[in-house]
């Protein structure tokens, strides 16, 4: 039995009801974002160990806050030339991210990341994705940069689901390695940006490398299961069943990364 399943089985009926209530509240929030913000992006994390499931999504939320802070500081706490260089570096990273997307989805080789809205779901599809699912993440990009990143991550997550059901083992290995490298590169970039703009970035990837005493532990760099992640699903078993069914549904919807 995995640690995630063990934790779920140990929960009391009252704790389970609380988790269900929080999940319902989260769905309602997602539906509100979708209906109020046309550029919202729905991301369904591919079925991975719970420790890695939401890492990229967490980084997108952090990046969104950083870009907003950076632009507020321009001309006041941050010199124009420094801010310009930071934004150029950020765009260079986005280009690198899309290069990784193209490695997994070669049919997008001529796609311009500035047209990211063309790959976003319609509002009808977004609503269908959220209905009845607790593990959907809805992002409301506050800048073009975050919109480009969100769609790129959406494609990567979709492609992992696709290759697991239809691809060869070699293709699956290649895709997951690209995915893991993307996470590590994104995390490293955000660390550097946060240091420059004085943002309190708490890495989801590395926060478990050191114990409370400050000493390096033997834990993996991938984060352990958090309560927030646990509460996002009614159970691991139910999540796995829903995610397996999603591949066929998403293919019918024509979602990016599933062709």
C-alpha atoms as a PDB file:
ATOM      1  CA  UNK A   1       0.000   0.000   0.000  1.00  0.00           C
ATOM      2  CA  UNK A   2       1.331   3.424  -0.931  1.00  0.00           C
ATOM      3  CA  UNK A   3       1.772   6.172   1.642  1.00  0.00           C
ATOM      4  CA  UNK A   4      -1.022   8.128  -0.035  1.00  0.00           C
ATOM      5  CA  UNK A   5      -3.498   5.243   0.222  1.00  0.00           C
ATOM      6  CA  UNK A   6      -2.483   4.548   3.813  1.00  0.00           C
ATOM      7  CA  UNK A   7      -3.134   8.152   4.800  1.00  0.00           C
ATOM      8  CA  UNK A   8      -6.540   8.059   3.154  1.00  0.00           C
ATOM      9  CA  UNK A   9      -7.584   4.853   4.938  1.00  0.00           C
ATOM     10  CA  UNK A  10      -6.598   6.366   8.287  1.00  0.00           C
ATOM     11  CA  UNK A  11      -8.998   9.298   7.919  1.00  0.00           C
ATOM     12  CA  UNK A  12     -12.164   9.394   9.990  1.00  0.00           C
ATOM     13  CA  UNK A  13     -15.651   9.826   8.432  1.00  0.00           C
ATOM     14  CA  UNK A  14     -15.698  13.414   9.699  1.00  0.00           C
ATOM     15  CA  UNK A  15     -12.356  14.157   8.029  1.00  0.00           C
ATOM     16  CA  UNK A  16     -13.585  12.636   4.771  1.00  0.00           C
ATOM     17  CA  UNK A  17     -16.717  14.790   4.831  1.00  0.00           C
ATOM     18  CA  UNK A  18     -14.553  17.863   5.394  1.00  0.00           C
ATOM     19  CA  UNK A  19     -12.397  16.919   2.410  1.00  0.00           C
ATOM     20  CA  UNK A  20     -15.505  16.505   0.254  1.00  0.00           C
ATOM     21  CA  UNK A  21     -16.782  19.918   1.332  1.00  0.00           C
ATOM     22  CA  UNK A  22     -13.461  21.544   0.474  1.00  0.00           C
ATOM     23  CA  UNK A  23     -13.412  19.768  -2.886  1.00  0.00           C
ATOM     24  CA  UNK A  24     -16.898  21.091  -3.674  1.00  0.00           C
ATOM     25  CA  UNK A  25     -15.820  24.607  -2.700  1.00  0.00           C
ATOM     26  CA  UNK A  26     -12.822  24.279  -4.989  1.00  0.00           C
ATOM     27  CA  UNK A  27     -15.014  23.182  -7.912  1.00  0.00           C
ATOM     28  CA  UNK A  28     -17.300  26.170  -7.360  1.00  0.00           C
ATOM     29  CA  UNK A  29     -14.293  28.499  -7.370  1.00  0.00           C
ATOM     30  CA  UNK A  30     -13.002  26.932 -10.591  1.00  0.00           C
ATOM     31  CA  UNK A  31     -16.384  27.319 -12.274  1.00  0.00           C
ATOM     32  CA  UNK A  32     -16.503  30.972 -11.247  1.00  0.00           C
ATOM     33  CA  UNK A  33     -13.032  31.646 -12.696  1.00  0.00           C
ATOM     34  CA  UNK A  34     -13.964  29.927 -15.973  1.00  0.00           C
ATOM     35  CA  UNK A  35     -17.189  31.871 -16.439  1.00  0.00           C
ATOM     36  CA  UNK A  36     -15.651  35.230 -15.466  1.00  0.00           C
ATOM     37  CA  UNK A  37     -12.279  34.994 -17.234  1.00  0.00           C
ATOM     38  CA  UNK A  38     -12.245  33.967 -20.888  1.00  0.00           C
ATOM     39  CA  UNK A  39      -8.477  33.310 -20.900  1.00  0.00           C
ATOM     40  CA  UNK A  40      -8.571  30.913 -17.943  1.00  0.00           C
ATOM     41  CA  UNK A  41      -6.668  27.664 -18.530  1.00  0.00           C
ATOM     42  CA  UNK A  42      -7.731  24.246 -17.205  1.00  0.00           C
ATOM     43  CA  UNK A  43      -4.882  21.873 -16.403  1.00  0.00           C
ATOM     44  CA  UNK A  44      -5.467  18.259 -15.428  1.00  0.00           C
ATOM     45  CA  UNK A  45      -2.220  16.891 -13.976  1.00  0.00           C
ATOM     46  CA  UNK A  46      -1.274  13.546 -15.448  1.00  0.00           C
ATOM     47  CA  UNK A  47      -1.410  10.536 -13.149  1.00  0.00           C
ATOM     48  CA  UNK A  48       1.907  10.708 -11.276  1.00  0.00           C
ATOM     49  CA  UNK A  49       2.949  10.000  -7.692  1.00  0.00           C
ATOM     50  CA  UNK A  50       1.130  12.496  -5.487  1.00  0.00           C
ATOM     51  CA  UNK A  51       4.466  14.053  -4.569  1.00  0.00           C
ATOM     52  CA  UNK A  52       4.946  15.236  -8.161  1.00  0.00           C
ATOM     53  CA  UNK A  53       1.375  15.715  -9.323  1.00  0.00           C
ATOM     54  CA  UNK A  54       0.943  19.451  -8.730  1.00  0.00           C
ATOM     55  CA  UNK A  55       4.553  20.683  -8.807  1.00  0.00           C
ATOM     56  CA  UNK A  56       4.391  22.413 -12.211  1.00  0.00           C
ATOM     57  CA  UNK A  57       1.023  23.978 -11.460  1.00  0.00           C
ATOM     58  CA  UNK A  58       2.348  25.362  -8.165  1.00  0.00           C
ATOM     59  CA  UNK A  59       5.255  26.895 -10.078  1.00  0.00           C
ATOM     60  CA  UNK A  60       2.877  28.604 -12.507  1.00  0.00           C
ATOM     61  CA  UNK A  61       1.042  30.256  -9.614  1.00  0.00           C
ATOM     62  CA  UNK A  62       4.379  31.412  -8.156  1.00  0.00           C
ATOM     63  CA  UNK A  63       5.532  32.711 -11.545  1.00  0.00           C
ATOM     64  CA  UNK A  64       2.268  34.629 -11.942  1.00  0.00           C
ATOM     65  CA  UNK A  65       2.859  36.398  -8.622  1.00  0.00           C
ATOM     66  CA  UNK A  66       6.479  37.137  -9.520  1.00  0.00           C
ATOM     67  CA  UNK A  67       5.674  38.672 -12.905  1.00  0.00           C
ATOM     68  CA  UNK A  68       2.992  40.840 -11.310  1.00  0.00           C
ATOM     69  CA  UNK A  69       5.422  41.969  -8.577  1.00  0.00           C
ATOM     70  CA  UNK A  70       8.205  42.627 -11.094  1.00  0.00           C
ATOM     71  CA  UNK A  71       6.008  44.878 -13.227  1.00  0.00           C
ATOM     72  CA  UNK A  72       4.797  46.802 -10.152  1.00  0.00           C
ATOM     73  CA  UNK A  73       8.399  47.447  -9.108  1.00  0.00           C
ATOM     74  CA  UNK A  74       9.580  48.815 -12.479  1.00  0.00           C
ATOM     75  CA  UNK A  75      10.800  52.389 -12.155  1.00  0.00           C
ATOM     76  CA  UNK A  76      10.476  52.397  -8.381  1.00  0.00           C
ATOM     77  CA  UNK A  77      12.194  49.515  -6.576  1.00  0.00           C
ATOM     78  CA  UNK A  78      13.605  48.101  -9.801  1.00  0.00           C
ATOM     79  CA  UNK A  79      15.632  49.982 -12.407  1.00  0.00           C
ATOM     80  CA  UNK A  80      14.261  49.947 -15.951  1.00  0.00           C
ATOM     81  CA  UNK A  81      17.300  48.205 -17.420  1.00  0.00           C
ATOM     82  CA  UNK A  82      17.246  45.514 -14.722  1.00  0.00           C
ATOM     83  CA  UNK A  83      13.522  44.908 -15.225  1.00  0.00           C
ATOM     84  CA  UNK A  84      13.976  44.750 -18.995  1.00  0.00           C
ATOM     85  CA  UNK A  85      16.742  42.169 -18.650  1.00  0.00           C
ATOM     86  CA  UNK A  86      14.629  40.096 -16.256  1.00  0.00           C
ATOM     87  CA  UNK A  87      11.649  40.088 -18.625  1.00  0.00           C
ATOM     88  CA  UNK A  88      13.913  39.161 -21.532  1.00  0.00           C
ATOM     89  CA  UNK A  89      15.316  36.273 -19.488  1.00  0.00           C
ATOM     90  CA  UNK A  90      11.783  35.224 -18.620  1.00  0.00           C
ATOM     91  CA  UNK A  91      10.812  35.197 -22.287  1.00  0.00           C
ATOM     92  CA  UNK A  92      13.962  33.212 -23.110  1.00  0.00           C
ATOM     93  CA  UNK A  93      12.870  30.607 -20.564  1.00  0.00           C
ATOM     94  CA  UNK A  94       9.376  30.501 -22.095  1.00  0.00           C
ATOM     95  CA  UNK A  95      10.983  29.874 -25.493  1.00  0.00           C
ATOM     96  CA  UNK A  96      12.948  27.009 -23.946  1.00  0.00           C
ATOM     97  CA  UNK A  97       9.761  25.632 -22.379  1.00  0.00           C
ATOM     98  CA  UNK A  98       8.007  25.644 -25.735  1.00  0.00           C
ATOM     99  CA  UNK A  99      11.019  23.938 -27.308  1.00  0.00           C
ATOM    100  CA  UNK A 100      10.416  21.121 -24.821  1.00  0.00           C
ATOM    101  CA  UNK A 101       6.742  21.066 -25.785  1.00  0.00           C
ATOM    102  CA  UNK A 102       7.668  20.715 -29.452  1.00  0.00           C
ATOM    103  CA  UNK A 103       9.976  17.779 -28.620  1.00  0.00           C
ATOM    104  CA  UNK A 104       6.952  15.908 -27.274  1.00  0.00           C
ATOM    105  CA  UNK A 105       4.451  17.299 -29.814  1.00  0.00           C
ATOM    106  CA  UNK A 106       6.324  17.825 -33.109  1.00  0.00           C
ATOM    107  CA  UNK A 107       3.140  18.831 -34.933  1.00  0.00           C
ATOM    108  CA  UNK A 108       3.431  22.182 -33.106  1.00  0.00           C
ATOM    109  CA  UNK A 109       6.892  22.955 -34.556  1.00  0.00           C
ATOM    110  CA  UNK A 110       5.660  26.059 -36.407  1.00  0.00           C
ATOM    111  CA  UNK A 111       3.352  27.275 -33.636  1.00  0.00           C
ATOM    112  CA  UNK A 112       3.947  30.790 -32.279  1.00  0.00           C
ATOM    113  CA  UNK A 113       3.638  30.897 -28.495  1.00  0.00           C
ATOM    114  CA  UNK A 114       2.063  34.355 -28.770  1.00  0.00           C
ATOM    115  CA  UNK A 115      -0.989  32.610 -30.216  1.00  0.00           C
ATOM    116  CA  UNK A 116      -1.452  30.503 -27.083  1.00  0.00           C
ATOM    117  CA  UNK A 117      -5.166  31.345 -26.941  1.00  0.00           C
ATOM    118  CA  UNK A 118      -5.664  29.321 -30.131  1.00  0.00           C
ATOM    119  CA  UNK A 119      -4.786  26.157 -28.170  1.00  0.00           C
ATOM    120  CA  UNK A 120      -6.945  26.958 -25.173  1.00  0.00           C
ATOM    121  CA  UNK A 121     -10.218  25.134 -24.573  1.00  0.00           C
ATOM    122  CA  UNK A 122     -13.595  26.670 -25.282  1.00  0.00           C
ATOM    123  CA  UNK A 123     -15.657  27.617 -22.258  1.00  0.00           C
ATOM    124  CA  UNK A 124     -17.937  24.601 -22.850  1.00  0.00           C
ATOM    125  CA  UNK A 125     -15.000  22.188 -22.706  1.00  0.00           C
ATOM    126  CA  UNK A 126     -13.592  23.927 -19.619  1.00  0.00           C
ATOM    127  CA  UNK A 127     -16.902  23.509 -17.812  1.00  0.00           C
ATOM    128  CA  UNK A 128     -17.033  19.820 -18.757  1.00  0.00           C
ATOM    129  CA  UNK A 129     -13.481  19.296 -17.507  1.00  0.00           C
ATOM    130  CA  UNK A 130     -14.275  20.816 -14.113  1.00  0.00           C
ATOM    131  CA  UNK A 131     -17.643  19.160 -13.530  1.00  0.00           C
ATOM    132  CA  UNK A 132     -17.274  16.194 -11.212  1.00  0.00           C
ATOM    133  CA  UNK A 133     -13.472  16.387 -11.045  1.00  0.00           C
ATOM    134  CA  UNK A 134     -11.585  17.434  -7.934  1.00  0.00           C
ATOM    135  CA  UNK A 135      -8.089  17.413  -9.386  1.00  0.00           C
ATOM    136  CA  UNK A 136      -8.526  20.065 -12.115  1.00  0.00           C
ATOM    137  CA  UNK A 137      -6.436  23.219 -11.722  1.00  0.00           C
ATOM    138  CA  UNK A 138      -7.801  26.444 -13.210  1.00  0.00           C
ATOM    139  CA  UNK A 139      -5.330  29.250 -13.829  1.00  0.00           C
ATOM    140  CA  UNK A 140      -6.312  32.833 -14.633  1.00  0.00           C
ATOM    141  CA  UNK A 141      -3.223  34.295 -16.344  1.00  0.00           C
ATOM    142  CA  UNK A 142      -2.619  37.917 -15.417  1.00  0.00           C
ATOM    143  CA  UNK A 143      -0.071  38.403 -18.183  1.00  0.00           C
ATOM    144  CA  UNK A 144       0.811  37.104 -21.634  1.00  0.00           C
ATOM    145  CA  UNK A 145       3.859  35.362 -20.203  1.00  0.00           C
ATOM    146  CA  UNK A 146       1.807  33.269 -17.776  1.00  0.00           C
ATOM    147  CA  UNK A 147      -0.746  32.425 -20.455  1.00  0.00           C
ATOM    148  CA  UNK A 148       2.049  31.085 -22.672  1.00  0.00           C
ATOM    149  CA  UNK A 149       3.454  29.012 -19.801  1.00  0.00           C
ATOM    150  CA  UNK A 150       0.055  27.658 -18.727  1.00  0.00           C
ATOM    151  CA  UNK A 151      -0.797  26.362 -22.203  1.00  0.00           C
ATOM    152  CA  UNK A 152       2.668  24.820 -22.578  1.00  0.00           C
ATOM    153  CA  UNK A 153       2.244  22.964 -19.265  1.00  0.00           C
ATOM    154  CA  UNK A 154      -1.268  21.902 -20.259  1.00  0.00           C
ATOM    155  CA  UNK A 155       0.126  20.295 -23.412  1.00  0.00           C
ATOM    156  CA  UNK A 156       2.909  18.519 -21.513  1.00  0.00           C
ATOM    157  CA  UNK A 157       0.451  17.098 -18.968  1.00  0.00           C
ATOM    158  CA  UNK A 158      -1.931  15.959 -21.717  1.00  0.00           C
ATOM    159  CA  UNK A 159       0.895  14.331 -23.647  1.00  0.00           C
ATOM    160  CA  UNK A 160       1.998  12.235 -20.669  1.00  0.00           C
ATOM    161  CA  UNK A 161      -1.525  10.808 -20.470  1.00  0.00           C
ATOM    162  CA  UNK A 162      -1.499  10.170 -24.204  1.00  0.00           C
ATOM    163  CA  UNK A 163       1.844   8.337 -24.432  1.00  0.00           C
ATOM    164  CA  UNK A 164       1.011   6.175 -21.428  1.00  0.00           C
ATOM    165  CA  UNK A 165      -2.000   4.765 -23.219  1.00  0.00           C
ATOM    166  CA  UNK A 166      -0.807   4.718 -26.833  1.00  0.00           C
ATOM    167  CA  UNK A 167       2.967   5.215 -26.950  1.00  0.00           C
ATOM    168  CA  UNK A 168       5.909   2.855 -26.717  1.00  0.00           C
ATOM    169  CA  UNK A 169       7.955   2.547 -23.551  1.00  0.00           C
ATOM    170  CA  UNK A 170      10.813   4.478 -25.203  1.00  0.00           C
ATOM    171  CA  UNK A 171       8.455   7.328 -26.072  1.00  0.00           C
ATOM    172  CA  UNK A 172       7.072   7.336 -22.540  1.00  0.00           C
ATOM    173  CA  UNK A 173      10.608   7.464 -21.112  1.00  0.00           C
ATOM    174  CA  UNK A 174      11.550  10.339 -23.415  1.00  0.00           C
ATOM    175  CA  UNK A 175       8.429  12.334 -22.533  1.00  0.00           C
ATOM    176  CA  UNK A 176       8.748  11.879 -18.771  1.00  0.00           C
ATOM    177  CA  UNK A 177      12.436  12.810 -18.848  1.00  0.00           C
ATOM    178  CA  UNK A 178      11.582  16.009 -20.716  1.00  0.00           C
ATOM    179  CA  UNK A 179       8.849  16.673 -18.160  1.00  0.00           C
ATOM    180  CA  UNK A 180      11.162  16.158 -15.187  1.00  0.00           C
ATOM    181  CA  UNK A 181      13.868  18.337 -16.737  1.00  0.00           C
ATOM    182  CA  UNK A 182      11.299  21.047 -17.373  1.00  0.00           C
ATOM    183  CA  UNK A 183      10.297  21.040 -13.714  1.00  0.00           C
ATOM    184  CA  UNK A 184      13.885  21.297 -12.500  1.00  0.00           C
ATOM    185  CA  UNK A 185      14.737  24.067 -14.980  1.00  0.00           C
ATOM    186  CA  UNK A 186      11.589  26.030 -14.104  1.00  0.00           C
ATOM    187  CA  UNK A 187      12.338  25.715 -10.402  1.00  0.00           C
ATOM    188  CA  UNK A 188      15.925  26.904 -10.878  1.00  0.00           C
ATOM    189  CA  UNK A 189      14.792  29.882 -12.954  1.00  0.00           C
ATOM    190  CA  UNK A 190      12.197  30.930 -10.380  1.00  0.00           C
ATOM    191  CA  UNK A 191      14.792  30.758  -7.605  1.00  0.00           C
ATOM    192  CA  UNK A 192      17.019  33.206  -9.481  1.00  0.00           C
ATOM    193  CA  UNK A 193      14.154  35.561 -10.333  1.00  0.00           C
ATOM    194  CA  UNK A 194      12.817  35.525  -6.764  1.00  0.00           C
ATOM    195  CA  UNK A 195      16.208  36.451  -5.372  1.00  0.00           C
ATOM    196  CA  UNK A 196      16.457  39.491  -7.651  1.00  0.00           C
ATOM    197  CA  UNK A 197      12.979  40.886  -6.991  1.00  0.00           C
ATOM    198  CA  UNK A 198      12.993  39.817  -3.313  1.00  0.00           C
ATOM    199  CA  UNK A 199      10.081  37.411  -3.605  1.00  0.00           C
ATOM    200  CA  UNK A 200       9.577  34.675  -1.007  1.00  0.00           C
ATOM    201  CA  UNK A 201       9.626  31.682  -3.347  1.00  0.00           C
ATOM    202  CA  UNK A 202       9.024  28.370  -1.604  1.00  0.00           C
ATOM    203  CA  UNK A 203       9.934  25.611  -3.995  1.00  0.00           C
ATOM    204  CA  UNK A 204       7.512  22.712  -4.167  1.00  0.00           C
ATOM    205  CA  UNK A 205      10.343  20.678  -5.631  1.00  0.00           C
ATOM    206  CA  UNK A 206      13.041  21.173  -3.013  1.00  0.00           C
ATOM    207  CA  UNK A 207      11.233  22.091   0.183  1.00  0.00           C
ATOM    208  CA  UNK A 208      11.752  18.619   1.635  1.00  0.00           C
ATOM    209  CA  UNK A 209      15.484  18.386   1.004  1.00  0.00           C
ATOM    210  CA  UNK A 210      16.293  19.871   4.417  1.00  0.00           C
ATOM    211  CA  UNK A 211      14.913  18.975   7.813  1.00  0.00           C
ATOM    212  CA  UNK A 212      13.752  21.370  10.527  1.00  0.00           C
ATOM    213  CA  UNK A 213      17.283  21.430  11.932  1.00  0.00           C
ATOM    214  CA  UNK A 214      18.611  22.745   8.619  1.00  0.00           C
ATOM    215  CA  UNK A 215      20.500  19.536   7.897  1.00  0.00           C
ATOM    216  CA  UNK A 216      20.191  17.813   4.528  1.00  0.00           C
ATOM    217  CA  UNK A 217      17.884  14.798   4.700  1.00  0.00           C
ATOM    218  CA  UNK A 218      17.767  11.595   2.670  1.00  0.00           C
ATOM    219  CA  UNK A 219      14.410  12.523   1.178  1.00  0.00           C
ATOM    220  CA  UNK A 220      13.937  12.869  -2.540  1.00  0.00           C
ATOM    221  CA  UNK A 221      13.880  16.309  -4.121  1.00  0.00           C
ATOM    222  CA  UNK A 222      10.327  15.553  -5.238  1.00  0.00           C
ATOM    223  CA  UNK A 223       7.949  16.855  -2.554  1.00  0.00           C
ATOM    224  CA  UNK A 224       6.059  14.635  -0.173  1.00  0.00           C
ATOM    225  CA  UNK A 225       2.283  14.437  -0.271  1.00  0.00           C
ATOM    226  CA  UNK A 226       0.797  17.604   1.192  1.00  0.00           C
ATOM    227  CA  UNK A 227      -2.534  17.926   2.962  1.00  0.00           C
ATOM    228  CA  UNK A 228      -3.687  20.278   0.215  1.00  0.00           C
ATOM    229  CA  UNK A 229      -2.987  17.647  -2.404  1.00  0.00           C
ATOM    230  CA  UNK A 230      -4.744  14.984  -0.351  1.00  0.00           C
ATOM    231  CA  UNK A 231      -7.793  17.146   0.167  1.00  0.00           C
ATOM    232  CA  UNK A 232      -8.075  17.826  -3.540  1.00  0.00           C
ATOM    233  CA  UNK A 233      -9.258  14.249  -4.105  1.00  0.00           C
ATOM    234  CA  UNK A 234     -11.808  12.047  -2.410  1.00  0.00           C
ATOM    235  CA  UNK A 235      -9.456   9.112  -2.697  1.00  0.00           C
ATOM    236  CA  UNK A 236      -6.487   7.942  -4.698  1.00  0.00           C
ATOM    237  CA  UNK A 237      -8.458   5.069  -6.140  1.00  0.00           C
ATOM    238  CA  UNK A 238     -11.221   7.359  -7.418  1.00  0.00           C
ATOM    239  CA  UNK A 239      -8.682   9.792  -8.867  1.00  0.00           C
ATOM    240  CA  UNK A 240      -6.925   7.035 -10.787  1.00  0.00           C
ATOM    241  CA  UNK A 241     -10.213   5.770 -12.242  1.00  0.00           C
ATOM    242  CA  UNK A 242     -11.247   9.263 -13.336  1.00  0.00           C
ATOM    243  CA  UNK A 243      -7.862  10.052 -14.864  1.00  0.00           C
ATOM    244  CA  UNK A 244      -7.863   6.823 -16.887  1.00  0.00           C
ATOM    245  CA  UNK A 245     -11.288   7.706 -18.248  1.00  0.00           C
ATOM    246  CA  UNK A 246     -10.120  11.242 -19.057  1.00  0.00           C
ATOM    247  CA  UNK A 247      -7.791  10.148 -21.848  1.00  0.00           C
ATOM    248  CA  UNK A 248     -10.652   8.930 -24.028  1.00  0.00           C
ATOM    249  CA  UNK A 249     -12.812  11.965 -23.184  1.00  0.00           C
ATOM    250  CA  UNK A 250     -10.029  14.449 -23.870  1.00  0.00           C
ATOM    251  CA  UNK A 251      -9.238  12.784 -27.189  1.00  0.00           C
ATOM    252  CA  UNK A 252     -12.876  13.196 -28.264  1.00  0.00           C
ATOM    253  CA  UNK A 253     -12.717  16.861 -27.249  1.00  0.00           C
ATOM    254  CA  UNK A 254      -9.606  17.370 -29.373  1.00  0.00           C
ATOM    255  CA  UNK A 255      -7.506  18.719 -26.490  1.00  0.00           C
ATOM    256  CA  UNK A 256      -3.875  19.785 -27.189  1.00  0.00           C
ATOM    257  CA  UNK A 257      -1.324  16.993 -26.777  1.00  0.00           C
ATOM    258  CA  UNK A 258      -3.784  14.134 -27.277  1.00  0.00           C
ATOM    259  CA  UNK A 259      -3.289  13.666 -30.999  1.00  0.00           C
END
